[in-house]
């Protein structure tokens, strides 16, 4: 299973948010949705989860492990 990664700095979040999350896809999405609601005031968890899923990337360490 490839580790996934999402970086709040690359999502256009307001302010100086530096959070990055990596893990399996569902773990990353669960935590990213919670973070989006608590830290950034999003109010539609379902819509946010769909948007975040589209932004997931393979974690950098997963790419180097495959090389």
C-alpha atoms as a PDB file:
ATOM      1  CA  UNK A   1       0.000   0.000   0.000  1.00  0.00           C
ATOM      2  CA  UNK A   2       1.414   3.383  -0.998  1.00  0.00           C
ATOM      3  CA  UNK A   3       1.533   6.035   1.688  1.00  0.00           C
ATOM      4  CA  UNK A   4      -0.379   9.189   0.782  1.00  0.00           C
ATOM      5  CA  UNK A   5       0.478  12.773   1.588  1.00  0.00           C
ATOM      6  CA  UNK A   6      -1.305  16.107   1.717  1.00  0.00           C
ATOM      7  CA  UNK A   7       0.278  19.472   2.468  1.00  0.00           C
ATOM      8  CA  UNK A   8      -1.914  22.345   3.637  1.00  0.00           C
ATOM      9  CA  UNK A   9       0.578  24.888   2.255  1.00  0.00           C
ATOM     10  CA  UNK A  10      -0.209  23.666  -1.267  1.00  0.00           C
ATOM     11  CA  UNK A  11      -3.987  23.904  -0.878  1.00  0.00           C
ATOM     12  CA  UNK A  12      -4.266  27.677  -0.815  1.00  0.00           C
ATOM     13  CA  UNK A  13      -5.160  27.825   2.861  1.00  0.00           C
ATOM     14  CA  UNK A  14      -5.302  31.299   4.327  1.00  0.00           C
ATOM     15  CA  UNK A  15      -2.524  32.173   6.723  1.00  0.00           C
ATOM     16  CA  UNK A  16       0.706  30.427   7.402  1.00  0.00           C
ATOM     17  CA  UNK A  17      -0.517  26.882   7.898  1.00  0.00           C
ATOM     18  CA  UNK A  18       2.358  24.417   7.703  1.00  0.00           C
ATOM     19  CA  UNK A  19       0.561  21.132   8.386  1.00  0.00           C
ATOM     20  CA  UNK A  20       1.461  18.109   6.273  1.00  0.00           C
ATOM     21  CA  UNK A  21      -0.071  14.678   6.846  1.00  0.00           C
ATOM     22  CA  UNK A  22       1.040  11.286   5.556  1.00  0.00           C
ATOM     23  CA  UNK A  23      -0.278   7.779   6.063  1.00  0.00           C
ATOM     24  CA  UNK A  24      -2.761   5.499   4.371  1.00  0.00           C
ATOM     25  CA  UNK A  25      -5.400   7.242   2.283  1.00  0.00           C
ATOM     26  CA  UNK A  26      -8.269   7.040   4.767  1.00  0.00           C
ATOM     27  CA  UNK A  27      -6.110   8.148   7.718  1.00  0.00           C
ATOM     28  CA  UNK A  28      -4.882  11.171   5.802  1.00  0.00           C
ATOM     29  CA  UNK A  29      -8.379  12.112   4.674  1.00  0.00           C
ATOM     30  CA  UNK A  30      -9.863  11.708   8.157  1.00  0.00           C
ATOM     31  CA  UNK A  31      -7.254  13.970   9.740  1.00  0.00           C
ATOM     32  CA  UNK A  32      -7.243  16.481   6.880  1.00  0.00           C
ATOM     33  CA  UNK A  33     -11.026  16.910   7.129  1.00  0.00           C
ATOM     34  CA  UNK A  34     -10.821  17.443  10.890  1.00  0.00           C
ATOM     35  CA  UNK A  35      -8.000  19.945  10.365  1.00  0.00           C
ATOM     36  CA  UNK A  36      -9.942  21.772   7.646  1.00  0.00           C
ATOM     37  CA  UNK A  37     -12.969  22.160   9.903  1.00  0.00           C
ATOM     38  CA  UNK A  38     -11.149  23.089  13.121  1.00  0.00           C
ATOM     39  CA  UNK A  39      -8.298  25.214  11.763  1.00  0.00           C
ATOM     40  CA  UNK A  40      -9.819  26.701   8.616  1.00  0.00           C
ATOM     41  CA  UNK A  41     -13.557  26.858   9.305  1.00  0.00           C
ATOM     42  CA  UNK A  42     -14.827  24.547   6.566  1.00  0.00           C
ATOM     43  CA  UNK A  43     -18.414  23.562   7.262  1.00  0.00           C
ATOM     44  CA  UNK A  44     -19.198  20.761   4.783  1.00  0.00           C
ATOM     45  CA  UNK A  45     -17.149  17.667   5.689  1.00  0.00           C
ATOM     46  CA  UNK A  46     -18.458  15.606   2.758  1.00  0.00           C
ATOM     47  CA  UNK A  47     -17.567  18.221   0.145  1.00  0.00           C
ATOM     48  CA  UNK A  48     -14.222  18.918   1.815  1.00  0.00           C
ATOM     49  CA  UNK A  49     -13.360  15.202   1.828  1.00  0.00           C
ATOM     50  CA  UNK A  50     -14.043  14.981  -1.914  1.00  0.00           C
ATOM     51  CA  UNK A  51     -11.872  18.032  -2.584  1.00  0.00           C
ATOM     52  CA  UNK A  52      -9.053  16.730  -0.420  1.00  0.00           C
ATOM     53  CA  UNK A  53      -9.148  13.249  -1.981  1.00  0.00           C
ATOM     54  CA  UNK A  54      -8.423  14.875  -5.359  1.00  0.00           C
ATOM     55  CA  UNK A  55      -5.337  16.579  -3.853  1.00  0.00           C
ATOM     56  CA  UNK A  56      -3.711  13.475  -2.344  1.00  0.00           C
ATOM     57  CA  UNK A  57      -0.238  12.618  -3.598  1.00  0.00           C
ATOM     58  CA  UNK A  58       2.073   9.685  -3.065  1.00  0.00           C
ATOM     59  CA  UNK A  59       4.220  10.452  -0.027  1.00  0.00           C
ATOM     60  CA  UNK A  60       7.788  11.468  -0.897  1.00  0.00           C
ATOM     61  CA  UNK A  61       9.255   8.547   1.063  1.00  0.00           C
ATOM     62  CA  UNK A  62       7.037   6.162  -0.910  1.00  0.00           C
ATOM     63  CA  UNK A  63       8.476   7.492  -4.174  1.00  0.00           C
ATOM     64  CA  UNK A  64      12.089   7.094  -3.025  1.00  0.00           C
ATOM     65  CA  UNK A  65      11.402   3.577  -1.701  1.00  0.00           C
ATOM     66  CA  UNK A  66      10.162   2.531  -5.141  1.00  0.00           C
ATOM     67  CA  UNK A  67      13.193   3.940  -6.976  1.00  0.00           C
END
